[in-house]
Amino acid sequence: MSDQKYSGEEFNEFVKELIENKRLNGSKEEGIAKLVIDKGFESLTDKQKFVFEESISHYVFGDCKRCGLEIPWSEMSGAEDNGGLCSWCQQLGRNDKD
């Protein structure tokens, strides 16, 4: 992913949430994540970028599996919980079952 993708307040909030929920679990990945929040993804070395991207890859969804639109950082944790759907499609799925 590009440096641009890994920037902005929504992205930083997502990374903070990963740290707070112990998803990175006190590891070197957590230290790199804190560096991303403090100084930005672009400040990392190539090796740090690789480690960081690998560590968050399990929690990042590109496009919604239903509508195909990009899932914003603010919905990323929810997408993990609902099978890779954006919040809109997850809500539509609930309505389909009613």
N, C-alpha and C. Protein backbone atom coordinates (compact mmCIF):
# COMPACT_ATOMS: atom_id res chain seq x y z
N MET A 1 0.83 -1.19 0.00
CA MET A 1 0.00 0.00 0.00
C MET A 1 0.87 1.24 0.00
N SER A 2 0.31 2.31 -0.45
CA SER A 2 1.07 3.54 -0.53
C SER A 2 1.12 4.24 0.83
N ASP A 3 2.10 5.13 0.98
CA ASP A 3 2.21 5.90 2.20
C ASP A 3 0.94 6.71 2.44
N GLN A 4 0.31 7.18 1.37
CA GLN A 4 -0.90 7.98 1.47
C GLN A 4 -2.02 7.20 2.16
N LYS A 5 -2.13 5.94 1.87
CA LYS A 5 -3.16 5.09 2.47
C LYS A 5 -2.98 5.01 3.98
N TYR A 6 -1.73 5.02 4.44
CA TYR A 6 -1.42 4.90 5.85
C TYR A 6 -1.20 6.27 6.48
N SER A 7 -2.16 7.15 6.34
CA SER A 7 -2.04 8.47 6.93
C SER A 7 -3.41 8.98 7.33
N GLY A 8 -3.42 10.03 8.08
CA GLY A 8 -4.66 10.66 8.48
C GLY A 8 -5.12 10.24 9.87
N GLU A 9 -6.01 11.02 10.40
CA GLU A 9 -6.50 10.80 11.76
C GLU A 9 -7.26 9.49 11.91
N GLU A 10 -8.08 9.12 10.90
CA GLU A 10 -8.82 7.85 10.98
C GLU A 10 -7.86 6.67 11.04
N PHE A 11 -6.79 6.73 10.26
CA PHE A 11 -5.81 5.65 10.28
C PHE A 11 -5.13 5.58 11.64
N ASN A 12 -4.72 6.73 12.17
CA ASN A 12 -4.08 6.75 13.48
C ASN A 12 -5.00 6.20 14.56
N GLU A 13 -6.28 6.51 14.48
CA GLU A 13 -7.25 5.98 15.45
C GLU A 13 -7.35 4.46 15.33
N PHE A 14 -7.32 3.96 14.11
CA PHE A 14 -7.35 2.51 13.89
C PHE A 14 -6.12 1.85 14.52
N VAL A 15 -4.96 2.43 14.32
CA VAL A 15 -3.72 1.87 14.89
C VAL A 15 -3.77 1.93 16.42
N LYS A 16 -4.27 3.05 16.97
CA LYS A 16 -4.41 3.16 18.43
C LYS A 16 -5.33 2.07 18.96
N GLU A 17 -6.39 1.81 18.23
CA GLU A 17 -7.34 0.77 18.64
C GLU A 17 -6.67 -0.61 18.64
N LEU A 18 -5.84 -0.88 17.65
CA LEU A 18 -5.11 -2.15 17.63
C LEU A 18 -4.21 -2.29 18.86
N ILE A 19 -3.55 -1.20 19.23
CA ILE A 19 -2.68 -1.21 20.40
C ILE A 19 -3.50 -1.39 21.67
N GLU A 20 -4.57 -0.61 21.82
CA GLU A 20 -5.40 -0.67 23.03
C GLU A 20 -6.04 -2.04 23.21
N ASN A 21 -6.40 -2.69 22.11
CA ASN A 21 -7.05 -4.00 22.18
C ASN A 21 -6.04 -5.15 22.22
N LYS A 22 -4.76 -4.78 22.42
CA LYS A 22 -3.68 -5.77 22.54
C LYS A 22 -3.55 -6.67 21.31
N ARG A 23 -3.87 -6.14 20.15
CA ARG A 23 -3.75 -6.90 18.90
C ARG A 23 -2.28 -7.06 18.50
N LEU A 24 -1.45 -6.11 18.92
CA LEU A 24 -0.03 -6.17 18.59
C LEU A 24 0.80 -6.62 19.79
N ASN A 25 0.18 -6.67 20.95
CA ASN A 25 0.63 -7.40 22.12
C ASN A 25 2.05 -7.13 22.60
N GLY A 26 2.41 -5.86 22.77
CA GLY A 26 3.69 -5.52 23.39
C GLY A 26 4.91 -5.91 22.59
N SER A 27 4.77 -6.23 21.36
CA SER A 27 5.85 -6.72 20.53
C SER A 27 6.58 -5.58 19.84
N LYS A 28 7.59 -5.94 19.06
CA LYS A 28 8.28 -4.92 18.26
C LYS A 28 7.30 -4.26 17.31
N GLU A 29 6.27 -5.02 16.88
CA GLU A 29 5.25 -4.45 16.00
C GLU A 29 4.49 -3.33 16.70
N GLU A 30 4.26 -3.49 18.00
CA GLU A 30 3.58 -2.44 18.75
C GLU A 30 4.45 -1.18 18.80
N GLY A 31 5.75 -1.36 19.00
CA GLY A 31 6.66 -0.21 19.01
C GLY A 31 6.66 0.52 17.68
N ILE A 32 6.64 -0.23 16.60
CA ILE A 32 6.61 0.38 15.26
C ILE A 32 5.28 1.09 15.06
N ALA A 33 4.19 0.48 15.54
CA ALA A 33 2.86 1.11 15.42
C ALA A 33 2.83 2.44 16.16
N LYS A 34 3.44 2.50 17.33
CA LYS A 34 3.49 3.76 18.08
C LYS A 34 4.32 4.80 17.32
N LEU A 35 5.36 4.35 16.67
CA LEU A 35 6.18 5.26 15.85
C LEU A 35 5.35 5.80 14.67
N VAL A 36 4.53 4.95 14.08
CA VAL A 36 3.64 5.39 13.00
C VAL A 36 2.71 6.49 13.49
N ILE A 37 2.14 6.31 14.67
CA ILE A 37 1.23 7.31 15.22
C ILE A 37 1.98 8.61 15.49
N ASP A 38 3.17 8.52 16.05
CA ASP A 38 3.94 9.71 16.42
C ASP A 38 4.56 10.44 15.24
N LYS A 39 5.15 9.69 14.32
CA LYS A 39 5.94 10.32 13.26
C LYS A 39 5.42 10.06 11.85
N GLY A 40 4.48 9.14 11.71
CA GLY A 40 3.93 8.85 10.39
C GLY A 40 4.58 7.65 9.73
N PHE A 41 3.82 6.97 8.90
CA PHE A 41 4.28 5.78 8.20
C PHE A 41 5.49 6.07 7.32
N GLU A 42 5.49 7.24 6.71
CA GLU A 42 6.58 7.60 5.80
C GLU A 42 7.93 7.74 6.50
N SER A 43 7.91 7.88 7.83
CA SER A 43 9.17 8.01 8.58
C SER A 43 9.85 6.66 8.83
N LEU A 44 9.15 5.56 8.55
CA LEU A 44 9.71 4.24 8.81
C LEU A 44 10.73 3.84 7.76
N THR A 45 11.65 2.97 8.15
CA THR A 45 12.57 2.37 7.19
C THR A 45 11.79 1.34 6.38
N ASP A 46 12.35 0.87 5.29
CA ASP A 46 11.68 -0.14 4.48
C ASP A 46 11.40 -1.41 5.29
N LYS A 47 12.34 -1.80 6.13
CA LYS A 47 12.16 -3.00 6.95
C LYS A 47 11.02 -2.79 7.96
N GLN A 48 10.98 -1.62 8.59
CA GLN A 48 9.91 -1.32 9.54
C GLN A 48 8.55 -1.28 8.84
N LYS A 49 8.51 -0.72 7.63
CA LYS A 49 7.26 -0.70 6.86
C LYS A 49 6.77 -2.12 6.59
N PHE A 50 7.70 -2.99 6.23
CA PHE A 50 7.33 -4.37 5.95
C PHE A 50 6.76 -5.04 7.21
N VAL A 51 7.45 -4.88 8.34
CA VAL A 51 7.01 -5.49 9.60
C VAL A 51 5.64 -4.92 9.99
N PHE A 52 5.47 -3.62 9.87
CA PHE A 52 4.21 -2.99 10.23
C PHE A 52 3.07 -3.49 9.35
N GLU A 53 3.28 -3.50 8.04
CA GLU A 53 2.23 -3.96 7.13
C GLU A 53 1.85 -5.41 7.40
N GLU A 54 2.85 -6.25 7.67
CA GLU A 54 2.57 -7.65 8.00
C GLU A 54 1.76 -7.76 9.29
N SER A 55 2.10 -6.94 10.28
CA SER A 55 1.45 -7.05 11.59
C SER A 55 -0.01 -6.59 11.56
N ILE A 56 -0.36 -5.66 10.68
CA ILE A 56 -1.75 -5.20 10.63
C ILE A 56 -2.55 -5.87 9.52
N SER A 57 -1.90 -6.65 8.67
CA SER A 57 -2.59 -7.22 7.51
C SER A 57 -3.79 -8.09 7.89
N HIS A 58 -3.76 -8.68 9.06
CA HIS A 58 -4.87 -9.54 9.51
C HIS A 58 -6.10 -8.72 9.87
N TYR A 59 -5.93 -7.43 10.06
CA TYR A 59 -7.01 -6.56 10.53
C TYR A 59 -7.47 -5.56 9.47
N VAL A 60 -6.86 -5.62 8.30
CA VAL A 60 -7.16 -4.65 7.25
C VAL A 60 -7.94 -5.33 6.12
N PHE A 61 -9.06 -4.72 5.77
CA PHE A 61 -9.89 -5.18 4.67
C PHE A 61 -9.91 -4.08 3.62
N GLY A 62 -9.67 -4.44 2.38
CA GLY A 62 -9.65 -3.44 1.32
C GLY A 62 -11.04 -3.00 0.92
N ASP A 63 -11.76 -3.89 0.27
CA ASP A 63 -13.08 -3.57 -0.24
C ASP A 63 -14.13 -4.44 0.43
N CYS A 64 -15.31 -3.88 0.56
CA CYS A 64 -16.44 -4.60 1.14
C CYS A 64 -16.75 -5.82 0.26
N LYS A 65 -16.99 -6.94 0.89
CA LYS A 65 -17.27 -8.17 0.15
C LYS A 65 -18.64 -8.17 -0.50
N ARG A 66 -19.50 -7.24 -0.12
CA ARG A 66 -20.84 -7.19 -0.70
C ARG A 66 -20.96 -6.13 -1.79
N CYS A 67 -20.60 -4.89 -1.46
CA CYS A 67 -20.79 -3.79 -2.42
C CYS A 67 -19.53 -3.46 -3.21
N GLY A 68 -18.37 -3.89 -2.72
CA GLY A 68 -17.12 -3.65 -3.43
C GLY A 68 -16.49 -2.30 -3.18
N LEU A 69 -17.10 -1.46 -2.35
CA LEU A 69 -16.51 -0.16 -2.04
C LEU A 69 -15.43 -0.31 -0.98
N GLU A 70 -14.47 0.61 -1.01
CA GLU A 70 -13.37 0.58 -0.05
C GLU A 70 -13.90 0.80 1.36
N ILE A 71 -13.45 0.00 2.30
CA ILE A 71 -13.85 0.15 3.69
C ILE A 71 -12.96 1.20 4.34
N PRO A 72 -13.55 2.25 4.92
CA PRO A 72 -12.73 3.29 5.55
C PRO A 72 -12.11 2.79 6.85
N TRP A 73 -11.03 3.44 7.27
CA TRP A 73 -10.33 3.05 8.50
C TRP A 73 -11.28 3.06 9.69
N SER A 74 -12.21 4.00 9.71
CA SER A 74 -13.12 4.11 10.86
C SER A 74 -14.04 2.90 11.00
N GLU A 75 -14.17 2.10 9.94
CA GLU A 75 -15.02 0.91 9.97
C GLU A 75 -14.23 -0.39 9.95
N MET A 76 -12.91 -0.30 9.98
CA MET A 76 -12.08 -1.48 9.79
C MET A 76 -12.27 -2.53 10.88
N SER A 77 -12.34 -2.11 12.14
CA SER A 77 -12.53 -3.08 13.22
C SER A 77 -13.88 -3.77 13.10
N GLY A 78 -14.89 -3.03 12.73
CA GLY A 78 -16.21 -3.61 12.52
C GLY A 78 -16.21 -4.61 11.38
N ALA A 79 -15.44 -4.31 10.34
CA ALA A 79 -15.37 -5.22 9.19
C ALA A 79 -14.77 -6.56 9.59
N GLU A 80 -13.83 -6.52 10.51
CA GLU A 80 -13.24 -7.77 11.00
C GLU A 80 -14.31 -8.61 11.71
N ASP A 81 -15.17 -7.94 12.45
CA ASP A 81 -16.19 -8.65 13.22
C ASP A 81 -17.36 -9.14 12.38
N ASN A 82 -17.58 -8.52 11.21
CA ASN A 82 -18.74 -8.91 10.42
C ASN A 82 -18.39 -9.49 9.05
N GLY A 83 -17.24 -10.12 8.97
CA GLY A 83 -16.90 -10.86 7.77
C GLY A 83 -16.48 -10.06 6.56
N GLY A 84 -15.92 -8.88 6.78
CA GLY A 84 -15.40 -8.09 5.67
C GLY A 84 -16.42 -7.22 4.98
N LEU A 85 -17.49 -6.86 5.69
CA LEU A 85 -18.51 -5.98 5.13
C LEU A 85 -18.37 -4.58 5.68
N CYS A 86 -18.70 -3.58 4.88
CA CYS A 86 -18.76 -2.21 5.37
C CYS A 86 -19.98 -2.11 6.30
N SER A 87 -20.07 -1.05 7.06
CA SER A 87 -21.16 -0.92 8.03
C SER A 87 -22.52 -0.88 7.33
N TRP A 88 -22.58 -0.26 6.15
CA TRP A 88 -23.84 -0.17 5.42
C TRP A 88 -24.32 -1.57 5.00
N CYS A 89 -23.45 -2.35 4.42
CA CYS A 89 -23.83 -3.69 3.97
C CYS A 89 -24.10 -4.62 5.15
N GLN A 90 -23.39 -4.42 6.24
CA GLN A 90 -23.66 -5.21 7.42
C GLN A 90 -25.06 -4.92 7.92
N GLN A 91 -25.46 -3.64 7.91
CA GLN A 91 -26.81 -3.26 8.32
C GLN A 91 -27.84 -3.82 7.35
N LEU A 92 -27.55 -3.78 6.05
CA LEU A 92 -28.48 -4.36 5.07
C LEU A 92 -28.66 -5.86 5.31
N GLY A 93 -27.58 -6.53 5.65
CA GLY A 93 -27.63 -7.96 5.94
C GLY A 93 -28.52 -8.25 7.13
N ARG A 94 -28.46 -7.39 8.14
CA ARG A 94 -29.35 -7.55 9.30
C ARG A 94 -30.80 -7.41 8.88
N ASN A 95 -31.06 -6.41 8.03
CA ASN A 95 -32.44 -6.17 7.57
C ASN A 95 -32.95 -7.32 6.72
N ASP A 96 -32.05 -7.95 5.96
CA ASP A 96 -32.45 -9.09 5.13
C ASP A 96 -32.95 -10.25 5.97
N LYS A 97 -32.42 -10.38 7.18
CA LYS A 97 -32.77 -11.49 8.05
C LYS A 97 -34.07 -11.23 8.81
N ASP A 98 -34.46 -9.96 8.90
CA ASP A 98 -35.68 -9.60 9.65
C ASP A 98 -36.93 -9.92 8.86
